[in-house]
């Protein structure tokens, strides 16, 4: 009996960890939504894709670790892991990732703008030198 309880406790811990990481994967959508404004239809499509992804992951978790037997504590573990992640890390990580991506994209954009001006100036010089050679 003790072995069965320990196995279920290990499965519960695994469900908490899965809930944690599944909620973290949803934050990728949240970061994307902060960076690029989406229409409601696109947000709905993203949520449907996320729901399918979650369903597949939970099915795989249950099938591989509990022989497909659905237990109440599995859902409690998934929800608990999600709540823990959301309360502790979610808002901070979404903010940090969003601002970091915006910072680096602005720097890359600035470098590309400077490079574009350089190429434009070089192109003008090249055209002038061709005119001089023709004359």
N, C-alpha and C. Protein backbone atom coordinates (compact mmCIF):
# COMPACT_ATOMS: atom_id res chain seq x y z
N UNK A 1 0.82 -1.21 0.00
CA UNK A 1 0.00 0.00 0.00
C UNK A 1 0.86 1.26 0.00
N UNK A 2 1.95 1.20 0.74
CA UNK A 2 2.84 2.36 0.85
C UNK A 2 3.46 2.71 -0.50
N UNK A 3 3.75 1.70 -1.32
CA UNK A 3 4.34 1.93 -2.64
C UNK A 3 3.35 2.65 -3.54
N UNK A 4 2.08 2.29 -3.46
CA UNK A 4 1.05 2.92 -4.29
C UNK A 4 0.89 4.39 -3.91
N UNK A 5 0.88 4.67 -2.62
CA UNK A 5 0.74 6.05 -2.15
C UNK A 5 1.95 6.88 -2.58
N UNK A 6 3.13 6.32 -2.47
CA UNK A 6 4.35 7.04 -2.89
C UNK A 6 4.32 7.30 -4.40
N UNK A 7 3.87 6.34 -5.18
CA UNK A 7 3.78 6.53 -6.64
C UNK A 7 2.78 7.63 -6.96
N UNK A 8 1.66 7.67 -6.27
CA UNK A 8 0.66 8.72 -6.51
C UNK A 8 1.17 10.08 -6.06
N UNK A 9 1.93 10.11 -4.98
CA UNK A 9 2.53 11.36 -4.52
C UNK A 9 3.55 11.88 -5.54
N UNK A 10 4.36 10.99 -6.09
CA UNK A 10 5.30 11.39 -7.14
C UNK A 10 4.55 11.91 -8.37
N UNK A 11 3.46 11.25 -8.72
CA UNK A 11 2.66 11.69 -9.86
C UNK A 11 2.03 13.06 -9.58
N UNK A 12 1.61 13.29 -8.36
CA UNK A 12 1.05 14.59 -7.98
C UNK A 12 2.12 15.68 -8.13
N UNK A 13 3.34 15.40 -7.66
CA UNK A 13 4.43 16.37 -7.79
C UNK A 13 4.72 16.67 -9.27
N UNK A 14 4.71 15.62 -10.08
CA UNK A 14 4.92 15.80 -11.51
C UNK A 14 3.81 16.66 -12.13
N UNK A 15 2.58 16.47 -11.68
CA UNK A 15 1.46 17.28 -12.17
C UNK A 15 1.62 18.75 -11.78
N UNK A 16 2.11 19.00 -10.57
CA UNK A 16 2.36 20.38 -10.15
C UNK A 16 3.42 21.01 -11.05
N UNK A 17 4.48 20.28 -11.33
CA UNK A 17 5.54 20.79 -12.20
C UNK A 17 5.00 21.03 -13.61
N UNK A 18 4.19 20.11 -14.13
CA UNK A 18 3.58 20.29 -15.45
C UNK A 18 2.70 21.52 -15.48
N UNK A 19 1.90 21.71 -14.44
CA UNK A 19 1.04 22.89 -14.37
C UNK A 19 1.86 24.17 -14.39
N UNK A 20 2.97 24.15 -13.69
CA UNK A 20 3.88 25.29 -13.66
C UNK A 20 4.36 25.62 -15.07
N UNK A 21 4.85 24.62 -15.78
CA UNK A 21 5.42 24.85 -17.11
C UNK A 21 4.35 25.10 -18.18
N UNK A 22 3.17 24.53 -18.02
CA UNK A 22 2.10 24.81 -18.97
C UNK A 22 1.65 26.26 -18.86
N UNK A 23 1.60 26.76 -17.65
CA UNK A 23 1.26 28.17 -17.47
C UNK A 23 2.37 29.06 -18.00
N UNK A 24 3.62 28.63 -17.85
CA UNK A 24 4.73 29.39 -18.39
C UNK A 24 4.65 29.45 -19.92
N UNK A 25 4.22 28.37 -20.53
CA UNK A 25 4.09 28.37 -21.99
C UNK A 25 2.99 29.33 -22.44
N UNK A 26 1.95 29.51 -21.63
CA UNK A 26 0.92 30.48 -21.99
C UNK A 26 1.47 31.91 -21.93
N UNK A 27 2.42 32.13 -21.06
CA UNK A 27 3.03 33.46 -20.98
C UNK A 27 3.76 33.84 -22.26
N UNK A 28 4.19 32.86 -23.03
CA UNK A 28 4.78 33.18 -24.33
C UNK A 28 3.76 33.88 -25.21
N UNK A 29 2.51 33.43 -25.17
CA UNK A 29 1.44 34.11 -25.90
C UNK A 29 1.21 35.52 -25.34
N UNK A 30 1.29 35.63 -24.02
CA UNK A 30 1.08 36.94 -23.42
C UNK A 30 2.17 37.93 -23.83
N UNK A 31 3.41 37.46 -23.89
CA UNK A 31 4.51 38.33 -24.34
C UNK A 31 4.27 38.72 -25.80
N UNK A 32 3.91 37.75 -26.62
CA UNK A 32 3.64 38.03 -28.03
C UNK A 32 2.52 39.06 -28.18
N UNK A 33 1.51 38.96 -27.36
CA UNK A 33 0.39 39.91 -27.42
C UNK A 33 0.79 41.30 -26.97
N UNK A 34 1.76 41.39 -26.07
CA UNK A 34 2.25 42.71 -25.67
C UNK A 34 3.09 43.35 -26.77
N UNK A 35 3.81 42.53 -27.52
CA UNK A 35 4.69 43.05 -28.55
C UNK A 35 3.94 43.40 -29.83
N UNK A 36 2.98 42.57 -30.19
CA UNK A 36 2.21 42.76 -31.43
C UNK A 36 0.74 42.78 -31.06
N UNK A 37 0.07 43.87 -31.40
CA UNK A 37 -1.35 43.99 -31.09
C UNK A 37 -2.12 43.05 -32.02
N UNK A 38 -2.97 42.23 -31.41
CA UNK A 38 -3.74 41.25 -32.16
C UNK A 38 -5.22 41.62 -32.17
N UNK A 39 -5.88 41.25 -33.23
CA UNK A 39 -7.34 41.36 -33.27
C UNK A 39 -7.93 40.25 -32.42
N UNK A 40 -9.19 40.44 -32.02
CA UNK A 40 -9.85 39.44 -31.17
C UNK A 40 -9.89 38.06 -31.83
N UNK A 41 -10.07 38.03 -33.13
CA UNK A 41 -10.13 36.76 -33.84
C UNK A 41 -8.80 36.00 -33.72
N UNK A 42 -7.70 36.71 -33.85
CA UNK A 42 -6.38 36.08 -33.74
C UNK A 42 -6.13 35.60 -32.32
N UNK A 43 -6.55 36.39 -31.34
CA UNK A 43 -6.40 35.98 -29.94
C UNK A 43 -7.19 34.70 -29.70
N UNK A 44 -8.38 34.62 -30.28
CA UNK A 44 -9.20 33.41 -30.14
C UNK A 44 -8.49 32.21 -30.76
N UNK A 45 -7.92 32.39 -31.93
CA UNK A 45 -7.19 31.30 -32.59
C UNK A 45 -6.00 30.87 -31.73
N UNK A 46 -5.26 31.83 -31.19
CA UNK A 46 -4.12 31.51 -30.33
C UNK A 46 -4.57 30.71 -29.12
N UNK A 47 -5.69 31.11 -28.51
CA UNK A 47 -6.20 30.40 -27.34
C UNK A 47 -6.65 28.99 -27.69
N UNK A 48 -7.22 28.81 -28.87
CA UNK A 48 -7.63 27.47 -29.30
C UNK A 48 -6.39 26.60 -29.50
N UNK A 49 -5.37 27.16 -30.15
CA UNK A 49 -4.11 26.41 -30.35
C UNK A 49 -3.49 26.05 -29.01
N UNK A 50 -3.51 26.99 -28.07
CA UNK A 50 -2.97 26.71 -26.73
C UNK A 50 -3.78 25.62 -26.03
N UNK A 51 -5.10 25.68 -26.16
CA UNK A 51 -5.96 24.67 -25.55
C UNK A 51 -5.68 23.28 -26.11
N UNK A 52 -5.47 23.19 -27.42
CA UNK A 52 -5.13 21.90 -28.03
C UNK A 52 -3.77 21.42 -27.53
N UNK A 53 -2.82 22.35 -27.46
CA UNK A 53 -1.49 22.02 -26.95
C UNK A 53 -1.57 21.50 -25.53
N UNK A 54 -2.33 22.17 -24.68
CA UNK A 54 -2.48 21.76 -23.28
C UNK A 54 -3.13 20.38 -23.20
N UNK A 55 -4.18 20.19 -24.00
CA UNK A 55 -4.87 18.89 -24.00
C UNK A 55 -3.93 17.75 -24.37
N UNK A 56 -3.11 17.97 -25.39
CA UNK A 56 -2.15 16.94 -25.80
C UNK A 56 -1.13 16.68 -24.71
N UNK A 57 -0.62 17.75 -24.09
CA UNK A 57 0.38 17.58 -23.04
C UNK A 57 -0.18 16.85 -21.82
N UNK A 58 -1.40 17.19 -21.43
CA UNK A 58 -2.02 16.52 -20.27
C UNK A 58 -2.30 15.06 -20.60
N UNK A 59 -2.75 14.80 -21.83
CA UNK A 59 -2.98 13.42 -22.24
C UNK A 59 -1.67 12.62 -22.18
N UNK A 60 -0.59 13.20 -22.72
CA UNK A 60 0.70 12.52 -22.69
C UNK A 60 1.17 12.27 -21.26
N UNK A 61 1.02 13.28 -20.41
CA UNK A 61 1.39 13.13 -19.01
C UNK A 61 0.63 11.98 -18.37
N UNK A 62 -0.67 11.95 -18.56
CA UNK A 62 -1.52 10.95 -17.95
C UNK A 62 -1.26 9.57 -18.53
N UNK A 63 -1.09 9.48 -19.84
CA UNK A 63 -0.89 8.20 -20.49
C UNK A 63 0.47 7.59 -20.13
N UNK A 64 1.51 8.42 -20.12
CA UNK A 64 2.86 7.91 -19.85
C UNK A 64 3.13 7.61 -18.39
N UNK A 65 2.47 8.32 -17.48
CA UNK A 65 2.83 8.20 -16.07
C UNK A 65 1.76 7.55 -15.20
N UNK A 66 0.53 7.46 -15.70
CA UNK A 66 -0.53 6.90 -14.85
C UNK A 66 -1.39 5.91 -15.64
N UNK A 67 -0.84 5.38 -16.72
CA UNK A 67 -1.53 4.39 -17.55
C UNK A 67 -2.89 4.86 -18.04
N UNK A 68 -3.05 6.16 -18.19
CA UNK A 68 -4.28 6.73 -18.72
C UNK A 68 -5.41 6.84 -17.71
N UNK A 69 -5.15 6.51 -16.46
CA UNK A 69 -6.18 6.59 -15.42
C UNK A 69 -6.29 8.04 -14.96
N UNK A 70 -7.48 8.61 -15.08
CA UNK A 70 -7.69 10.00 -14.68
C UNK A 70 -8.00 10.03 -13.19
N UNK A 71 -7.22 10.81 -12.48
CA UNK A 71 -7.42 10.96 -11.03
C UNK A 71 -7.68 12.42 -10.70
N UNK A 72 -8.45 12.64 -9.67
CA UNK A 72 -8.79 14.00 -9.25
C UNK A 72 -7.53 14.77 -8.86
N UNK A 73 -6.62 14.11 -8.16
CA UNK A 73 -5.42 14.81 -7.69
C UNK A 73 -4.54 15.27 -8.85
N UNK A 74 -4.69 14.65 -10.04
CA UNK A 74 -3.95 15.11 -11.20
C UNK A 74 -4.38 16.53 -11.55
N UNK A 75 -5.68 16.76 -11.60
CA UNK A 75 -6.18 18.10 -11.91
C UNK A 75 -5.84 19.10 -10.82
N UNK A 76 -5.89 18.65 -9.57
CA UNK A 76 -5.51 19.53 -8.47
C UNK A 76 -4.04 19.93 -8.59
N UNK A 77 -3.18 18.98 -8.94
CA UNK A 77 -1.76 19.28 -9.11
C UNK A 77 -1.51 20.24 -10.27
N UNK A 78 -2.18 20.02 -11.40
CA UNK A 78 -2.02 20.92 -12.54
C UNK A 78 -2.47 22.34 -12.20
N UNK A 79 -3.62 22.44 -11.55
CA UNK A 79 -4.14 23.76 -11.18
C UNK A 79 -3.24 24.42 -10.13
N UNK A 80 -2.78 23.64 -9.17
CA UNK A 80 -1.90 24.18 -8.13
C UNK A 80 -0.60 24.69 -8.72
N UNK A 81 0.01 23.94 -9.63
CA UNK A 81 1.24 24.39 -10.28
C UNK A 81 1.01 25.67 -11.07
N UNK A 82 -0.13 25.76 -11.75
CA UNK A 82 -0.45 26.96 -12.52
C UNK A 82 -0.62 28.17 -11.60
N UNK A 83 -1.31 27.97 -10.51
CA UNK A 83 -1.54 29.07 -9.56
C UNK A 83 -0.22 29.53 -8.94
N UNK A 84 0.62 28.58 -8.56
CA UNK A 84 1.91 28.93 -7.96
C UNK A 84 2.73 29.76 -8.94
N UNK A 85 2.80 29.30 -10.20
CA UNK A 85 3.56 30.05 -11.20
C UNK A 85 2.97 31.44 -11.41
N UNK A 86 1.65 31.50 -11.53
CA UNK A 86 1.01 32.79 -11.81
C UNK A 86 1.23 33.78 -10.67
N UNK A 87 1.14 33.32 -9.45
CA UNK A 87 1.30 34.22 -8.30
C UNK A 87 2.75 34.64 -8.07
N UNK A 88 3.69 33.76 -8.37
CA UNK A 88 5.08 34.05 -8.05
C UNK A 88 5.83 34.70 -9.21
N UNK A 89 5.74 34.15 -10.42
CA UNK A 89 6.63 34.57 -11.50
C UNK A 89 5.96 35.22 -12.70
N UNK A 90 4.73 34.97 -12.95
CA UNK A 90 4.11 35.30 -14.24
C UNK A 90 4.25 36.77 -14.62
N UNK A 91 3.77 37.67 -13.79
CA UNK A 91 3.79 39.08 -14.18
C UNK A 91 5.21 39.60 -14.33
N UNK A 92 6.12 39.15 -13.47
CA UNK A 92 7.51 39.59 -13.56
C UNK A 92 8.16 39.09 -14.84
N UNK A 93 7.99 37.81 -15.16
CA UNK A 93 8.62 37.27 -16.36
C UNK A 93 8.05 37.87 -17.64
N UNK A 94 6.74 38.08 -17.68
CA UNK A 94 6.14 38.68 -18.87
C UNK A 94 6.69 40.09 -19.07
N UNK A 95 6.80 40.84 -18.00
CA UNK A 95 7.33 42.20 -18.09
C UNK A 95 8.80 42.18 -18.52
N UNK A 96 9.60 41.34 -17.90
CA UNK A 96 11.03 41.28 -18.22
C UNK A 96 11.24 40.85 -19.67
N UNK A 97 10.55 39.79 -20.10
CA UNK A 97 10.71 39.32 -21.48
C UNK A 97 10.24 40.37 -22.47
N UNK A 98 9.12 41.01 -22.19
CA UNK A 98 8.60 42.02 -23.11
C UNK A 98 9.55 43.19 -23.25
N UNK A 99 10.02 43.71 -22.13
CA UNK A 99 10.91 44.87 -22.20
C UNK A 99 12.26 44.50 -22.80
N UNK A 100 12.75 43.29 -22.53
CA UNK A 100 14.02 42.86 -23.10
C UNK A 100 13.91 42.73 -24.62
N UNK A 101 12.84 42.14 -25.09
CA UNK A 101 12.65 41.98 -26.54
C UNK A 101 12.50 43.35 -27.20
N UNK A 102 11.72 44.23 -26.58
CA UNK A 102 11.56 45.57 -27.15
C UNK A 102 12.90 46.30 -27.19
N UNK A 103 13.68 46.17 -26.14
CA UNK A 103 14.99 46.82 -26.08
C UNK A 103 15.90 46.33 -27.21
N UNK A 104 16.01 45.01 -27.34
CA UNK A 104 16.90 44.47 -28.37
C UNK A 104 16.40 44.74 -29.78
N UNK A 105 15.09 44.69 -30.00
CA UNK A 105 14.59 44.98 -31.34
C UNK A 105 14.81 46.45 -31.69
N UNK A 106 14.71 47.34 -30.71
CA UNK A 106 14.97 48.76 -31.00
C UNK A 106 16.45 48.97 -31.32
N UNK A 107 17.34 48.28 -30.61
CA UNK A 107 18.78 48.40 -30.90
C UNK A 107 19.10 47.83 -32.28
N UNK A 108 18.53 46.69 -32.61
CA UNK A 108 18.76 46.10 -33.93
C UNK A 108 18.21 47.01 -35.01
N UNK A 109 17.04 47.59 -34.77
CA UNK A 109 16.45 48.50 -35.74
C UNK A 109 17.35 49.71 -35.95
N UNK A 110 17.92 50.22 -34.88
CA UNK A 110 18.81 51.37 -34.98
C UNK A 110 20.08 51.03 -35.76
N UNK A 111 20.63 49.85 -35.49
CA UNK A 111 21.83 49.41 -36.22
C UNK A 111 21.50 49.26 -37.70
N UNK A 112 20.35 48.66 -38.01
CA UNK A 112 19.97 48.49 -39.41
C UNK A 112 19.73 49.83 -40.09
N UNK A 113 19.18 50.80 -39.37
CA UNK A 113 18.97 52.14 -39.93
C UNK A 113 20.31 52.79 -40.25
N UNK A 114 21.26 52.71 -39.33
CA UNK A 114 22.59 53.28 -39.56
C UNK A 114 23.25 52.57 -40.74
N UNK A 115 23.14 51.25 -40.78
CA UNK A 115 23.72 50.49 -41.89
C UNK A 115 23.06 50.87 -43.21
N UNK A 116 21.74 51.07 -43.17
CA UNK A 116 21.02 51.48 -44.38
C UNK A 116 21.48 52.84 -44.88
N UNK A 117 21.71 53.79 -43.97
CA UNK A 117 22.22 55.11 -44.37
C UNK A 117 23.61 54.99 -44.96
N UNK A 118 24.43 54.14 -44.36
CA UNK A 118 25.78 53.93 -44.87
C UNK A 118 25.73 53.36 -46.29
N UNK A 119 24.87 52.37 -46.50
CA UNK A 119 24.76 51.77 -47.83
C UNK A 119 24.23 52.78 -48.83
N UNK A 120 23.30 53.60 -48.41
CA UNK A 120 22.75 54.63 -49.30
C UNK A 120 23.83 55.62 -49.71
N UNK A 121 24.64 56.06 -48.73
CA UNK A 121 25.73 56.99 -49.03
C UNK A 121 26.77 56.33 -49.94
N UNK A 122 27.09 55.08 -49.69
CA UNK A 122 28.05 54.38 -50.54
C UNK A 122 27.50 54.25 -51.95
N UNK A 123 26.21 54.03 -52.07
CA UNK A 123 25.58 53.92 -53.38
C UNK A 123 25.70 55.24 -54.15
N UNK A 124 25.51 56.37 -53.45
CA UNK A 124 25.65 57.69 -54.09
C UNK A 124 27.09 57.89 -54.56
N UNK A 125 28.04 57.53 -53.71
CA UNK A 125 29.46 57.67 -54.08
C UNK A 125 29.76 56.79 -55.29
N UNK A 126 29.25 55.59 -55.31
CA UNK A 126 29.46 54.67 -56.42
C UNK A 126 28.90 55.24 -57.73
N UNK A 127 27.70 55.82 -57.66
CA UNK A 127 27.09 56.42 -58.86
C UNK A 127 27.91 57.61 -59.35
N UNK A 128 28.41 58.44 -58.44
CA UNK A 128 29.25 59.58 -58.84
C UNK A 128 30.52 59.12 -59.51
N UNK A 129 31.12 58.08 -58.96
CA UNK A 129 32.38 57.60 -59.55
C UNK A 129 32.13 57.01 -60.93
N UNK A 130 31.00 56.40 -61.17
CA UNK A 130 30.69 55.88 -62.50
C UNK A 130 30.48 57.01 -63.49
N UNK A 131 29.85 58.12 -63.05
CA UNK A 131 29.65 59.28 -63.92
C UNK A 131 31.00 59.87 -64.30
N UNK A 132 31.90 59.98 -63.33
CA UNK A 132 33.23 60.54 -63.59
C UNK A 132 33.99 59.66 -64.59
N UNK A 133 33.90 58.36 -64.47
CA UNK A 133 34.60 57.46 -65.36
C UNK A 133 34.07 57.55 -66.78
N UNK A 134 32.76 57.75 -66.93
CA UNK A 134 32.16 57.85 -68.26
C UNK A 134 32.63 59.11 -68.98
N UNK A 135 32.80 60.18 -68.24
CA UNK A 135 33.20 61.47 -68.84
C UNK A 135 34.65 61.47 -69.04
